Amino acid sequence: MNRLIGLFFLLVSLPCFAEVLSGKIIRVTDGDTVVILTDGHQQIKIRLNAIDAPEKKQAFGNKSKESLANLCAGKDATVNVGGVDKYGRTIGELFCQGKSANVHQVENGFAWVYRKYSNDANLIALEAEAKLNGRGLWFDPDPVAPWDFRHGVKPATFEQTQVRVRASTKSGDAFSCEGKSYCREMVSCEEARFYLTQCGVYKLDRDHDGVACEALCGG
């Protein structure tokens, strides 16, 4: 009897593993949603958990979709299922070509960490690195998060951005947005990055890879 009781407690204490789906990605809807055709010939819409990509009508919305499509479209994939959302979409972590698509989107600057649903330290660190390096949507000096965009928040105009930058400069920041337009005028990578991301001097990034003045900043 004691042995049976011990076996019972061992079984109920084992972790419950989430369902895993496998199949082929047949459609990429946007930067955080795909449709998988499972090995059982079911079409299931997958919403990538823990992240939120720009909406289609937002800046970088199409680029975000392209980024996810480049990794996953037409590829064999697996999904670690975490549940179902209120729209009936399956929520989970998507893997294509051996890589987490959730991580891929954040580290390349094509999605935010969805803070309402995730405090994943690794994803937050990857988002911070993408922001620091001006990757993807972080090329924009003042991007609007998609959850704000869905509630009607509009991106700042160029004039509003300049007013804010000038105000922060008066408060003691090291750089200002006046008088410089070319890489040859920059004295450091930090100054070049400031002019690119805060002042909107986009000519400093000639190949549009998010890196200002590559002679100074590398890349």
N, C-alpha and C. Protein backbone atom coordinates (compact mmCIF):
# COMPACT_ATOMS: atom_id res chain seq x y z
N MET A 1 0.83 -1.21 0.00
CA MET A 1 0.00 0.00 0.00
C MET A 1 0.86 1.25 0.00
N ASN A 2 1.90 1.29 0.89
CA ASN A 2 2.79 2.44 0.94
C ASN A 2 3.48 2.67 -0.39
N ARG A 3 3.84 1.56 -1.09
CA ARG A 3 4.50 1.67 -2.40
C ARG A 3 3.53 2.28 -3.42
N LEU A 4 2.25 1.89 -3.36
CA LEU A 4 1.26 2.44 -4.29
C LEU A 4 1.04 3.93 -4.04
N ILE A 5 0.99 4.32 -2.76
CA ILE A 5 0.81 5.73 -2.42
C ILE A 5 2.00 6.55 -2.92
N GLY A 6 3.20 6.01 -2.75
CA GLY A 6 4.40 6.70 -3.21
C GLY A 6 4.39 6.87 -4.71
N LEU A 7 3.96 5.84 -5.45
CA LEU A 7 3.90 5.91 -6.90
C LEU A 7 2.88 6.96 -7.34
N PHE A 8 1.75 7.03 -6.63
CA PHE A 8 0.72 8.02 -6.96
C PHE A 8 1.26 9.43 -6.85
N PHE A 9 1.94 9.74 -5.75
CA PHE A 9 2.48 11.09 -5.56
C PHE A 9 3.58 11.40 -6.56
N LEU A 10 4.34 10.42 -6.98
CA LEU A 10 5.37 10.63 -7.99
C LEU A 10 4.72 11.01 -9.31
N LEU A 11 3.64 10.32 -9.67
CA LEU A 11 2.98 10.59 -10.95
C LEU A 11 2.33 11.97 -10.98
N VAL A 12 1.65 12.35 -9.92
CA VAL A 12 0.95 13.63 -9.92
C VAL A 12 1.93 14.80 -9.82
N SER A 13 3.17 14.54 -9.39
CA SER A 13 4.14 15.62 -9.27
C SER A 13 4.93 15.85 -10.54
N LEU A 14 4.77 14.97 -11.55
CA LEU A 14 5.50 15.15 -12.79
C LEU A 14 4.96 16.36 -13.54
N PRO A 15 5.85 17.15 -14.24
CA PRO A 15 5.38 18.33 -14.95
C PRO A 15 4.46 17.96 -16.10
N CYS A 16 3.49 18.85 -16.40
CA CYS A 16 2.60 18.67 -17.54
C CYS A 16 3.16 19.43 -18.72
N PHE A 17 3.59 18.73 -19.73
CA PHE A 17 4.20 19.36 -20.89
C PHE A 17 3.12 19.90 -21.82
N ALA A 18 3.36 21.08 -22.38
CA ALA A 18 2.42 21.69 -23.32
C ALA A 18 2.39 20.89 -24.61
N GLU A 19 1.30 21.04 -25.33
CA GLU A 19 1.18 20.39 -26.62
C GLU A 19 2.20 20.97 -27.60
N VAL A 20 2.71 20.12 -28.46
CA VAL A 20 3.63 20.56 -29.50
C VAL A 20 3.01 20.24 -30.86
N LEU A 21 2.87 21.27 -31.69
CA LEU A 21 2.38 21.09 -33.05
C LEU A 21 3.54 21.08 -34.02
N SER A 22 3.42 20.33 -35.08
CA SER A 22 4.44 20.35 -36.13
C SER A 22 3.75 20.35 -37.49
N GLY A 23 4.40 20.97 -38.45
CA GLY A 23 3.84 21.06 -39.78
C GLY A 23 4.61 22.05 -40.64
N LYS A 24 3.93 22.69 -41.58
CA LYS A 24 4.57 23.64 -42.50
C LYS A 24 3.82 24.97 -42.43
N ILE A 25 4.58 26.06 -42.44
CA ILE A 25 3.97 27.39 -42.42
C ILE A 25 3.49 27.72 -43.83
N ILE A 26 2.17 27.88 -43.97
CA ILE A 26 1.61 28.13 -45.30
C ILE A 26 1.21 29.59 -45.51
N ARG A 27 1.18 30.36 -44.43
CA ARG A 27 0.87 31.78 -44.58
C ARG A 27 1.44 32.57 -43.41
N VAL A 28 2.03 33.72 -43.73
CA VAL A 28 2.47 34.67 -42.71
C VAL A 28 1.54 35.86 -42.79
N THR A 29 0.74 36.07 -41.74
CA THR A 29 -0.27 37.13 -41.75
C THR A 29 0.33 38.49 -41.46
N ASP A 30 1.19 38.54 -40.47
CA ASP A 30 1.88 39.77 -40.10
C ASP A 30 3.12 39.39 -39.30
N GLY A 31 3.68 40.35 -38.56
CA GLY A 31 4.94 40.08 -37.88
C GLY A 31 4.87 39.21 -36.66
N ASP A 32 3.66 38.82 -36.24
CA ASP A 32 3.56 37.93 -35.08
C ASP A 32 2.48 36.86 -35.24
N THR A 33 2.00 36.65 -36.48
CA THR A 33 0.93 35.68 -36.70
C THR A 33 1.17 34.89 -37.98
N VAL A 34 1.02 33.57 -37.89
CA VAL A 34 1.19 32.70 -39.06
C VAL A 34 0.09 31.66 -39.07
N VAL A 35 -0.01 30.93 -40.19
CA VAL A 35 -0.91 29.77 -40.27
C VAL A 35 -0.05 28.56 -40.57
N ILE A 36 -0.22 27.52 -39.77
CA ILE A 36 0.53 26.28 -39.96
C ILE A 36 -0.41 25.19 -40.46
N LEU A 37 0.05 24.43 -41.43
CA LEU A 37 -0.65 23.23 -41.87
C LEU A 37 0.01 22.07 -41.14
N THR A 38 -0.71 21.50 -40.18
CA THR A 38 -0.10 20.49 -39.32
C THR A 38 0.09 19.18 -40.08
N ASP A 39 0.86 18.32 -39.47
CA ASP A 39 1.06 16.98 -40.05
C ASP A 39 -0.25 16.22 -40.14
N GLY A 40 -1.24 16.63 -39.35
CA GLY A 40 -2.56 16.01 -39.41
C GLY A 40 -3.49 16.72 -40.37
N HIS A 41 -2.93 17.62 -41.21
CA HIS A 41 -3.67 18.34 -42.25
C HIS A 41 -4.71 19.31 -41.70
N GLN A 42 -4.42 19.90 -40.56
CA GLN A 42 -5.24 20.96 -40.01
C GLN A 42 -4.55 22.31 -40.25
N GLN A 43 -5.34 23.32 -40.59
CA GLN A 43 -4.81 24.67 -40.68
C GLN A 43 -5.10 25.39 -39.37
N ILE A 44 -4.05 25.83 -38.69
CA ILE A 44 -4.20 26.47 -37.38
C ILE A 44 -3.47 27.81 -37.39
N LYS A 45 -4.19 28.85 -36.96
CA LYS A 45 -3.58 30.17 -36.86
C LYS A 45 -2.79 30.26 -35.56
N ILE A 46 -1.55 30.68 -35.68
CA ILE A 46 -0.64 30.76 -34.53
C ILE A 46 -0.31 32.21 -34.25
N ARG A 47 -0.53 32.63 -33.01
CA ARG A 47 -0.10 33.96 -32.55
C ARG A 47 1.12 33.79 -31.67
N LEU A 48 2.26 34.35 -32.08
CA LEU A 48 3.49 34.20 -31.32
C LEU A 48 3.34 34.85 -29.95
N ASN A 49 3.64 34.09 -28.91
CA ASN A 49 3.44 34.61 -27.56
C ASN A 49 4.60 35.53 -27.16
N ALA A 50 4.35 36.36 -26.16
CA ALA A 50 5.35 37.21 -25.51
C ALA A 50 5.81 38.40 -26.35
N ILE A 51 5.36 38.52 -27.61
CA ILE A 51 5.80 39.63 -28.45
C ILE A 51 4.60 40.31 -29.10
N ASP A 52 4.83 41.53 -29.58
CA ASP A 52 3.79 42.26 -30.30
C ASP A 52 4.47 43.03 -31.43
N ALA A 53 4.12 42.70 -32.65
CA ALA A 53 4.75 43.31 -33.82
C ALA A 53 3.95 44.53 -34.27
N PRO A 54 4.58 45.43 -35.04
CA PRO A 54 3.86 46.60 -35.55
C PRO A 54 2.64 46.18 -36.38
N GLU A 55 1.57 46.93 -36.26
CA GLU A 55 0.38 46.68 -37.06
C GLU A 55 0.68 46.96 -38.54
N LYS A 56 -0.14 46.42 -39.42
CA LYS A 56 0.12 46.56 -40.86
C LYS A 56 0.16 48.01 -41.31
N LYS A 57 -0.65 48.87 -40.68
CA LYS A 57 -0.69 50.27 -41.07
C LYS A 57 0.36 51.12 -40.36
N GLN A 58 1.15 50.49 -39.49
CA GLN A 58 2.22 51.20 -38.81
C GLN A 58 3.50 51.19 -39.63
N ALA A 59 4.39 52.13 -39.31
CA ALA A 59 5.74 52.07 -39.85
C ALA A 59 6.36 50.74 -39.45
N PHE A 60 7.05 50.11 -40.37
CA PHE A 60 7.74 48.83 -40.18
C PHE A 60 6.78 47.64 -40.07
N GLY A 61 5.48 47.87 -40.28
CA GLY A 61 4.55 46.75 -40.26
C GLY A 61 4.86 45.74 -41.36
N ASN A 62 5.09 46.21 -42.56
CA ASN A 62 5.42 45.30 -43.67
C ASN A 62 6.80 44.68 -43.50
N LYS A 63 7.75 45.48 -42.99
CA LYS A 63 9.10 44.96 -42.77
C LYS A 63 9.10 43.85 -41.72
N SER A 64 8.27 44.01 -40.70
CA SER A 64 8.15 42.99 -39.67
C SER A 64 7.60 41.70 -40.25
N LYS A 65 6.57 41.83 -41.09
CA LYS A 65 6.01 40.65 -41.75
C LYS A 65 7.06 39.97 -42.63
N GLU A 66 7.83 40.77 -43.39
CA GLU A 66 8.88 40.22 -44.25
C GLU A 66 9.93 39.48 -43.44
N SER A 67 10.28 40.03 -42.28
CA SER A 67 11.29 39.40 -41.43
C SER A 67 10.83 38.02 -40.98
N LEU A 68 9.57 37.92 -40.56
CA LEU A 68 9.05 36.63 -40.12
C LEU A 68 8.91 35.67 -41.30
N ALA A 69 8.48 36.20 -42.46
CA ALA A 69 8.33 35.36 -43.65
C ALA A 69 9.67 34.81 -44.10
N ASN A 70 10.71 35.61 -44.03
CA ASN A 70 12.04 35.15 -44.45
C ASN A 70 12.52 33.96 -43.63
N LEU A 71 12.10 33.94 -42.36
CA LEU A 71 12.51 32.83 -41.49
C LEU A 71 11.60 31.63 -41.64
N CYS A 72 10.29 31.87 -41.82
CA CYS A 72 9.32 30.77 -41.64
C CYS A 72 8.48 30.39 -42.85
N ALA A 73 8.24 31.29 -43.79
CA ALA A 73 7.30 31.01 -44.88
C ALA A 73 7.72 29.78 -45.67
N GLY A 74 6.79 28.82 -45.78
CA GLY A 74 7.05 27.60 -46.52
C GLY A 74 7.97 26.62 -45.83
N LYS A 75 8.35 26.90 -44.60
CA LYS A 75 9.30 26.07 -43.87
C LYS A 75 8.58 25.11 -42.92
N ASP A 76 9.23 23.97 -42.66
CA ASP A 76 8.76 23.09 -41.60
C ASP A 76 8.93 23.81 -40.27
N ALA A 77 7.98 23.59 -39.37
CA ALA A 77 8.00 24.34 -38.12
C ALA A 77 7.40 23.52 -37.00
N THR A 78 7.71 23.92 -35.77
CA THR A 78 7.08 23.36 -34.59
C THR A 78 6.58 24.52 -33.72
N VAL A 79 5.55 24.25 -32.94
CA VAL A 79 4.99 25.26 -32.05
C VAL A 79 4.83 24.65 -30.67
N ASN A 80 5.44 25.28 -29.68
CA ASN A 80 5.20 24.91 -28.29
C ASN A 80 3.96 25.68 -27.84
N VAL A 81 2.85 24.99 -27.72
CA VAL A 81 1.56 25.63 -27.48
C VAL A 81 1.44 26.06 -26.02
N GLY A 82 0.97 27.30 -25.83
CA GLY A 82 0.77 27.81 -24.48
C GLY A 82 -0.68 28.06 -24.13
N GLY A 83 -1.56 28.00 -25.14
CA GLY A 83 -2.97 28.24 -24.88
C GLY A 83 -3.69 28.78 -26.10
N VAL A 84 -4.86 29.36 -25.88
CA VAL A 84 -5.67 29.94 -26.94
C VAL A 84 -6.13 31.32 -26.49
N ASP A 85 -6.04 32.32 -27.38
CA ASP A 85 -6.44 33.67 -26.99
C ASP A 85 -7.93 33.89 -27.24
N LYS A 86 -8.40 35.10 -26.95
CA LYS A 86 -9.84 35.39 -27.04
C LYS A 86 -10.35 35.40 -28.47
N TYR A 87 -9.43 35.44 -29.43
CA TYR A 87 -9.83 35.40 -30.84
C TYR A 87 -9.79 33.98 -31.42
N GLY A 88 -9.47 33.03 -30.57
CA GLY A 88 -9.42 31.64 -31.01
C GLY A 88 -8.10 31.22 -31.63
N ARG A 89 -7.12 32.09 -31.57
CA ARG A 89 -5.80 31.76 -32.12
C ARG A 89 -4.99 30.96 -31.11
N THR A 90 -4.22 30.03 -31.60
CA THR A 90 -3.33 29.26 -30.74
C THR A 90 -2.11 30.11 -30.40
N ILE A 91 -1.80 30.20 -29.12
CA ILE A 91 -0.68 31.01 -28.65
C ILE A 91 0.51 30.09 -28.39
N GLY A 92 1.69 30.49 -28.83
CA GLY A 92 2.85 29.65 -28.55
C GLY A 92 4.15 30.20 -29.09
N GLU A 93 5.20 29.46 -28.85
CA GLU A 93 6.53 29.81 -29.37
C GLU A 93 6.76 29.01 -30.65
N LEU A 94 7.08 29.71 -31.71
CA LEU A 94 7.23 29.13 -33.03
C LEU A 94 8.70 28.93 -33.36
N PHE A 95 9.03 27.75 -33.86
CA PHE A 95 10.41 27.45 -34.25
C PHE A 95 10.47 27.12 -35.73
N CYS A 96 11.30 27.84 -36.46
CA CYS A 96 11.54 27.60 -37.89
C CYS A 96 13.04 27.52 -38.12
N GLN A 97 13.45 26.55 -38.91
CA GLN A 97 14.87 26.38 -39.22
C GLN A 97 15.72 26.31 -37.94
N GLY A 98 15.15 25.71 -36.89
CA GLY A 98 15.87 25.52 -35.64
C GLY A 98 15.97 26.76 -34.77
N LYS A 99 15.25 27.85 -35.12
CA LYS A 99 15.35 29.09 -34.37
C LYS A 99 13.98 29.54 -33.89
N SER A 100 13.95 30.12 -32.70
CA SER A 100 12.70 30.69 -32.19
C SER A 100 12.35 31.93 -32.99
N ALA A 101 11.20 31.92 -33.64
CA ALA A 101 10.76 33.08 -34.39
C ALA A 101 10.42 34.24 -33.45
N ASN A 102 9.96 33.94 -32.25
CA ASN A 102 9.67 34.97 -31.26
C ASN A 102 10.93 35.76 -30.95
N VAL A 103 12.01 35.03 -30.67
CA VAL A 103 13.30 35.67 -30.39
C VAL A 103 13.81 36.41 -31.61
N HIS A 104 13.71 35.80 -32.78
CA HIS A 104 14.17 36.38 -34.03
C HIS A 104 13.57 37.76 -34.26
N GLN A 105 12.26 37.89 -34.04
CA GLN A 105 11.58 39.15 -34.30
C GLN A 105 12.04 40.24 -33.34
N VAL A 106 12.24 39.90 -32.08
CA VAL A 106 12.66 40.89 -31.09
C VAL A 106 14.11 41.31 -31.32
N GLU A 107 15.00 40.34 -31.51
CA GLU A 107 16.42 40.69 -31.60
C GLU A 107 16.76 41.44 -32.88
N ASN A 108 15.92 41.32 -33.90
CA ASN A 108 16.14 42.06 -35.14
C ASN A 108 15.36 43.37 -35.20
N GLY A 109 14.68 43.69 -34.12
CA GLY A 109 14.00 44.97 -34.03
C GLY A 109 12.68 45.02 -34.79
N PHE A 110 12.00 43.88 -34.92
CA PHE A 110 10.73 43.87 -35.63
C PHE A 110 9.55 43.50 -34.74
N ALA A 111 9.75 43.54 -33.44
CA ALA A 111 8.66 43.33 -32.49
C ALA A 111 9.10 43.82 -31.12
N TRP A 112 8.12 44.24 -30.34
CA TRP A 112 8.33 44.58 -28.94
C TRP A 112 8.12 43.33 -28.08
N VAL A 113 8.70 43.33 -26.90
CA VAL A 113 8.28 42.37 -25.88
C VAL A 113 6.92 42.85 -25.38
N TYR A 114 5.94 41.96 -25.39
CA TYR A 114 4.57 42.33 -25.00
C TYR A 114 4.50 42.32 -23.47
N ARG A 115 4.83 43.46 -22.86
CA ARG A 115 5.01 43.51 -21.40
C ARG A 115 3.76 43.15 -20.63
N LYS A 116 2.59 43.30 -21.24
CA LYS A 116 1.35 42.94 -20.54
C LYS A 116 1.29 41.45 -20.27
N TYR A 117 1.97 40.66 -21.11
CA TYR A 117 1.88 39.21 -21.00
C TYR A 117 3.23 38.53 -20.74
N SER A 118 4.31 39.29 -20.75
CA SER A 118 5.61 38.64 -20.59
C SER A 118 6.60 39.58 -19.90
N ASN A 119 7.40 39.00 -18.99
CA ASN A 119 8.53 39.72 -18.40
C ASN A 119 9.80 38.89 -18.58
N ASP A 120 9.86 38.17 -19.72
CA ASP A 120 11.00 37.32 -20.03
C ASP A 120 12.28 38.15 -20.08
N ALA A 121 13.21 37.88 -19.18
CA ALA A 121 14.43 38.69 -19.05
C ALA A 121 15.29 38.61 -20.32
N ASN A 122 15.34 37.44 -20.94
CA ASN A 122 16.15 37.29 -22.15
C ASN A 122 15.59 38.13 -23.29
N LEU A 123 14.27 38.09 -23.48
CA LEU A 123 13.65 38.89 -24.54
C LEU A 123 13.81 40.38 -24.27
N ILE A 124 13.65 40.78 -23.03
CA ILE A 124 13.79 42.20 -22.67
C ILE A 124 15.21 42.68 -22.96
N ALA A 125 16.21 41.84 -22.66
CA ALA A 125 17.60 42.20 -22.95
C ALA A 125 17.85 42.31 -24.45
N LEU A 126 17.25 41.41 -25.23
CA LEU A 126 17.40 41.46 -26.69
C LEU A 126 16.73 42.70 -27.26
N GLU A 127 15.58 43.06 -26.70
CA GLU A 127 14.90 44.28 -27.15
C GLU A 127 15.77 45.51 -26.87
N ALA A 128 16.36 45.55 -25.68
CA ALA A 128 17.21 46.69 -25.31
C ALA A 128 18.41 46.80 -26.25
N GLU A 129 18.99 45.66 -26.61
CA GLU A 129 20.14 45.67 -27.51
C GLU A 129 19.74 46.15 -28.91
N ALA A 130 18.58 45.67 -29.39
CA ALA A 130 18.09 46.11 -30.70
C ALA A 130 17.83 47.61 -30.70
N LYS A 131 17.27 48.11 -29.62
CA LYS A 131 17.00 49.55 -29.50
C LYS A 131 18.29 50.35 -29.49
N LEU A 132 19.26 49.88 -28.73
CA LEU A 132 20.55 50.57 -28.63
C LEU A 132 21.23 50.68 -29.99
N ASN A 133 21.08 49.64 -30.80
CA ASN A 133 21.74 49.61 -32.09
C ASN A 133 20.86 50.10 -33.25
N GLY A 134 19.67 50.57 -32.92
CA GLY A 134 18.79 51.13 -33.94
C GLY A 134 18.34 50.13 -34.99
N ARG A 135 18.15 48.87 -34.59
CA ARG A 135 17.74 47.85 -35.55
C ARG A 135 16.24 47.93 -35.84
N GLY A 136 15.88 47.64 -37.07
CA GLY A 136 14.47 47.53 -37.44
C GLY A 136 13.67 48.76 -37.07
N LEU A 137 12.57 48.55 -36.35
CA LEU A 137 11.69 49.64 -35.99
C LEU A 137 12.37 50.67 -35.09
N TRP A 138 13.46 50.28 -34.44
CA TRP A 138 14.17 51.19 -33.56
C TRP A 138 15.00 52.21 -34.34
N PHE A 139 15.01 52.07 -35.68
CA PHE A 139 15.59 53.11 -36.53
C PHE A 139 14.79 54.40 -36.38
N ASP A 140 13.49 54.26 -36.11
CA ASP A 140 12.63 55.39 -35.83
C ASP A 140 12.98 55.93 -34.44
N PRO A 141 13.24 57.24 -34.32
CA PRO A 141 13.63 57.77 -33.01
C PRO A 141 12.52 57.72 -31.97
N ASP A 142 11.27 57.58 -32.39
CA ASP A 142 10.17 57.59 -31.43
C ASP A 142 9.04 56.67 -31.90
N PRO A 143 9.29 55.35 -31.94
CA PRO A 143 8.27 54.42 -32.44
C PRO A 143 7.10 54.31 -31.47
N VAL A 144 5.92 54.08 -32.02
CA VAL A 144 4.72 53.88 -31.21
C VAL A 144 4.48 52.39 -31.04
N ALA A 145 4.36 51.95 -29.81
CA ALA A 145 4.10 50.53 -29.55
C ALA A 145 2.74 50.15 -30.13
N PRO A 146 2.61 48.93 -30.67
CA PRO A 146 1.35 48.55 -31.31
C PRO A 146 0.15 48.58 -30.39
N TRP A 147 0.32 48.29 -29.09
CA TRP A 147 -0.83 48.32 -28.18
C TRP A 147 -1.30 49.77 -27.99
N ASP A 148 -0.39 50.74 -28.12
CA ASP A 148 -0.79 52.15 -28.08
C ASP A 148 -1.43 52.57 -29.41
N PHE A 149 -0.86 52.09 -30.51
CA PHE A 149 -1.39 52.40 -31.83
C PHE A 149 -2.85 51.93 -31.96
N ARG A 150 -3.12 50.76 -31.41
CA ARG A 150 -4.49 50.22 -31.48
C ARG A 150 -5.48 51.06 -30.68
N HIS A 151 -4.95 51.88 -29.76
CA HIS A 151 -5.81 52.77 -28.98
C HIS A 151 -5.74 54.20 -29.48
N GLY A 152 -5.26 54.37 -30.71
CA GLY A 152 -5.33 55.68 -31.35
C GLY A 152 -4.14 56.59 -31.20
N VAL A 153 -3.05 56.13 -30.56
CA VAL A 153 -1.87 56.97 -30.42
C VAL A 153 -1.17 57.10 -31.76
N LYS A 154 -0.86 58.32 -32.15
CA LYS A 154 -0.21 58.58 -33.43
C LYS A 154 1.28 58.86 -33.21
N PRO A 155 2.12 58.52 -34.19
CA PRO A 155 3.55 58.82 -34.07
C PRO A 155 3.77 60.32 -34.04
N ALA A 156 4.83 60.74 -33.35
CA ALA A 156 5.16 62.16 -33.26
C ALA A 156 5.58 62.69 -34.63
N THR A 157 5.23 63.94 -34.89
CA THR A 157 5.70 64.58 -36.12
C THR A 157 7.17 64.94 -35.97
N PHE A 158 7.80 65.25 -37.09
CA PHE A 158 9.21 65.65 -37.05
C PHE A 158 9.39 66.88 -36.16
N GLU A 159 8.47 67.83 -36.26
CA GLU A 159 8.57 69.05 -35.47
C GLU A 159 8.46 68.75 -33.98
N GLN A 160 7.55 67.85 -33.60
CA GLN A 160 7.41 67.48 -32.20
C GLN A 160 8.67 66.80 -31.67
N THR A 161 9.25 65.96 -32.51
CA THR A 161 10.49 65.29 -32.11
C THR A 161 11.60 66.30 -31.87
N GLN A 162 11.71 67.29 -32.76
CA GLN A 162 12.75 68.30 -32.61
C GLN A 162 12.57 69.11 -31.34
N VAL A 163 11.32 69.47 -31.02
CA VAL A 163 11.05 70.22 -29.80
C VAL A 163 11.49 69.43 -28.58
N ARG A 164 11.16 68.14 -28.57
CA ARG A 164 11.53 67.30 -27.44
C ARG A 164 13.04 67.15 -27.30
N VAL A 165 13.71 66.98 -28.45
CA VAL A 165 15.16 66.82 -28.43
C VAL A 165 15.84 68.08 -27.92
N ARG A 166 15.36 69.25 -28.38
CA ARG A 166 15.94 70.51 -27.93
C ARG A 166 15.74 70.70 -26.43
N ALA A 167 14.56 70.30 -25.96
CA ALA A 167 14.28 70.42 -24.53
C ALA A 167 15.21 69.54 -23.71
N SER A 168 15.44 68.32 -24.18
CA SER A 168 16.33 67.42 -23.44
C SER A 168 17.76 67.92 -23.50
N THR A 169 18.14 68.57 -24.60
CA THR A 169 19.49 69.10 -24.72
C THR A 169 19.72 70.22 -23.72
N LYS A 170 18.70 71.08 -23.54
CA LYS A 170 18.83 72.18 -22.58
C LYS A 170 18.96 71.68 -21.16
N SER A 171 18.48 70.44 -20.92
CA SER A 171 18.55 69.90 -19.57
C SER A 171 19.92 69.34 -19.24
N GLY A 172 20.86 69.42 -20.20
CA GLY A 172 22.23 69.03 -19.89
C GLY A 172 22.76 67.85 -20.66
N ASP A 173 22.03 67.34 -21.68
CA ASP A 173 22.56 66.24 -22.48
C ASP A 173 23.80 66.69 -23.23
N ALA A 174 24.63 65.71 -23.61
CA ALA A 174 25.93 66.03 -24.20
C ALA A 174 25.84 66.55 -25.62
N PHE A 175 24.80 66.16 -26.38
CA PHE A 175 24.72 66.51 -27.79
C PHE A 175 23.48 67.34 -28.09
N SER A 176 23.56 68.07 -29.18
CA SER A 176 22.41 68.82 -29.66
C SER A 176 22.20 68.53 -31.13
N CYS A 177 21.06 68.96 -31.67
CA CYS A 177 20.70 68.66 -33.06
C CYS A 177 20.99 69.82 -34.00
N GLU A 178 21.99 70.59 -33.73
CA GLU A 178 22.24 71.76 -34.54
C GLU A 178 23.65 71.74 -35.14
N GLY A 179 23.70 71.99 -36.46
CA GLY A 179 24.99 72.30 -37.09
C GLY A 179 25.73 71.16 -37.75
N LYS A 180 25.28 69.91 -37.62
CA LYS A 180 26.02 68.80 -38.20
C LYS A 180 25.10 67.92 -39.05
N SER A 181 25.63 67.51 -40.21
CA SER A 181 24.83 66.69 -41.12
C SER A 181 25.59 65.52 -41.72
N TYR A 182 26.92 65.47 -41.53
CA TYR A 182 27.74 64.48 -42.22
C TYR A 182 28.63 63.72 -41.23
N CYS A 183 28.97 62.49 -41.62
CA CYS A 183 29.79 61.65 -40.74
C CYS A 183 31.15 62.29 -40.45
N ARG A 184 31.69 63.01 -41.41
CA ARG A 184 33.00 63.63 -41.21
C ARG A 184 32.99 64.68 -40.11
N GLU A 185 31.78 65.12 -39.73
CA GLU A 185 31.67 66.13 -38.68
C GLU A 185 31.52 65.51 -37.29
N MET A 186 31.29 64.20 -37.23
CA MET A 186 31.08 63.54 -35.95
C MET A 186 32.41 63.22 -35.27
N VAL A 187 32.43 63.38 -33.96
CA VAL A 187 33.66 63.11 -33.22
C VAL A 187 33.64 61.75 -32.52
N SER A 188 32.46 61.09 -32.49
CA SER A 188 32.37 59.79 -31.83
C SER A 188 31.17 59.04 -32.38
N CYS A 189 31.16 57.73 -32.14
CA CYS A 189 30.02 56.90 -32.54
C CYS A 189 28.76 57.33 -31.78
N GLU A 190 28.91 57.69 -30.50
CA GLU A 190 27.77 58.10 -29.69
C GLU A 190 27.11 59.34 -30.29
N GLU A 191 27.94 60.30 -30.75
CA GLU A 191 27.38 61.51 -31.34
C GLU A 191 26.67 61.19 -32.66
N ALA A 192 27.29 60.32 -33.47
CA ALA A 192 26.68 59.93 -34.74
C ALA A 192 25.35 59.24 -34.51
N ARG A 193 25.29 58.33 -33.53
CA ARG A 193 24.05 57.62 -33.23
C ARG A 193 22.98 58.59 -32.74
N PHE A 194 23.38 59.59 -31.95
CA PHE A 194 22.45 60.59 -31.46
C PHE A 194 21.82 61.36 -32.62
N TYR A 195 22.67 61.79 -33.57
CA TYR A 195 22.16 62.55 -34.71
C TYR A 195 21.23 61.70 -35.58
N LEU A 196 21.52 60.41 -35.67
CA LEU A 196 20.68 59.53 -36.48
C LEU A 196 19.34 59.27 -35.80
N THR A 197 19.37 58.84 -34.56
CA THR A 197 18.15 58.37 -33.90
C THR A 197 17.33 59.48 -33.27
N GLN A 198 17.98 60.56 -32.81
CA GLN A 198 17.27 61.62 -32.12
C GLN A 198 17.01 62.85 -32.98
N CYS A 199 17.87 63.06 -33.96
CA CYS A 199 17.73 64.27 -34.78
C CYS A 199 17.18 63.98 -36.17
N GLY A 200 17.10 62.70 -36.53
CA GLY A 200 16.54 62.36 -37.82
C GLY A 200 17.44 62.64 -39.00
N VAL A 201 18.76 62.65 -38.77
CA VAL A 201 19.70 62.86 -39.88
C VAL A 201 19.98 61.49 -40.51
N TYR A 202 19.05 61.03 -41.34
CA TYR A 202 19.09 59.66 -41.84
C TYR A 202 20.19 59.42 -42.86
N LYS A 203 20.76 60.48 -43.43
CA LYS A 203 21.86 60.30 -44.38
C LYS A 203 23.09 59.69 -43.71
N LEU A 204 23.13 59.70 -42.37
CA LEU A 204 24.26 59.09 -41.66
C LEU A 204 24.24 57.57 -41.75
N ASP A 205 23.13 57.02 -42.18
CA ASP A 205 22.99 55.57 -42.35
C ASP A 205 22.71 55.28 -43.82
N ARG A 206 23.73 55.30 -44.64
CA ARG A 206 23.56 55.22 -46.08
C ARG A 206 22.97 53.90 -46.56
N ASP A 207 23.32 52.79 -45.89
CA ASP A 207 22.82 51.50 -46.35
C ASP A 207 21.59 51.03 -45.56
N HIS A 208 21.06 51.92 -44.71
CA HIS A 208 19.80 51.66 -43.99
C HIS A 208 19.83 50.37 -43.17
N ASP A 209 20.98 50.13 -42.52
CA ASP A 209 21.05 48.94 -41.66
C ASP A 209 20.94 49.30 -40.18
N GLY A 210 20.64 50.57 -39.91
CA GLY A 210 20.47 51.00 -38.52
C GLY A 210 21.75 51.42 -37.83
N VAL A 211 22.89 51.34 -38.53
CA VAL A 211 24.18 51.71 -37.95
C VAL A 211 24.63 53.05 -38.55
N ALA A 212 24.83 54.02 -37.70
CA ALA A 212 25.27 55.34 -38.16
C ALA A 212 26.78 55.36 -38.39
N CYS A 213 27.18 56.03 -39.48
CA CYS A 213 28.60 56.31 -39.73
C CYS A 213 29.48 55.09 -39.43
N GLU A 214 29.41 54.12 -40.27
CA GLU A 214 30.06 52.83 -39.99
C GLU A 214 31.57 52.94 -39.80
N ALA A 215 32.19 53.96 -40.35
CA ALA A 215 33.61 54.16 -40.11
C ALA A 215 33.90 54.41 -38.63
N LEU A 216 32.90 55.02 -37.95
CA LEU A 216 33.03 55.28 -36.50
C LEU A 216 32.47 54.15 -35.67
N CYS A 217 31.32 53.65 -36.11
CA CYS A 217 30.57 52.68 -35.29
C CYS A 217 30.77 51.23 -35.67
N GLY A 218 31.46 51.00 -36.80
CA GLY A 218 31.63 49.64 -37.27
C GLY A 218 30.39 49.14 -37.96
N GLY A 219 30.44 47.90 -38.44
CA GLY A 219 29.28 47.33 -39.12
C GLY A 219 29.59 46.98 -40.54
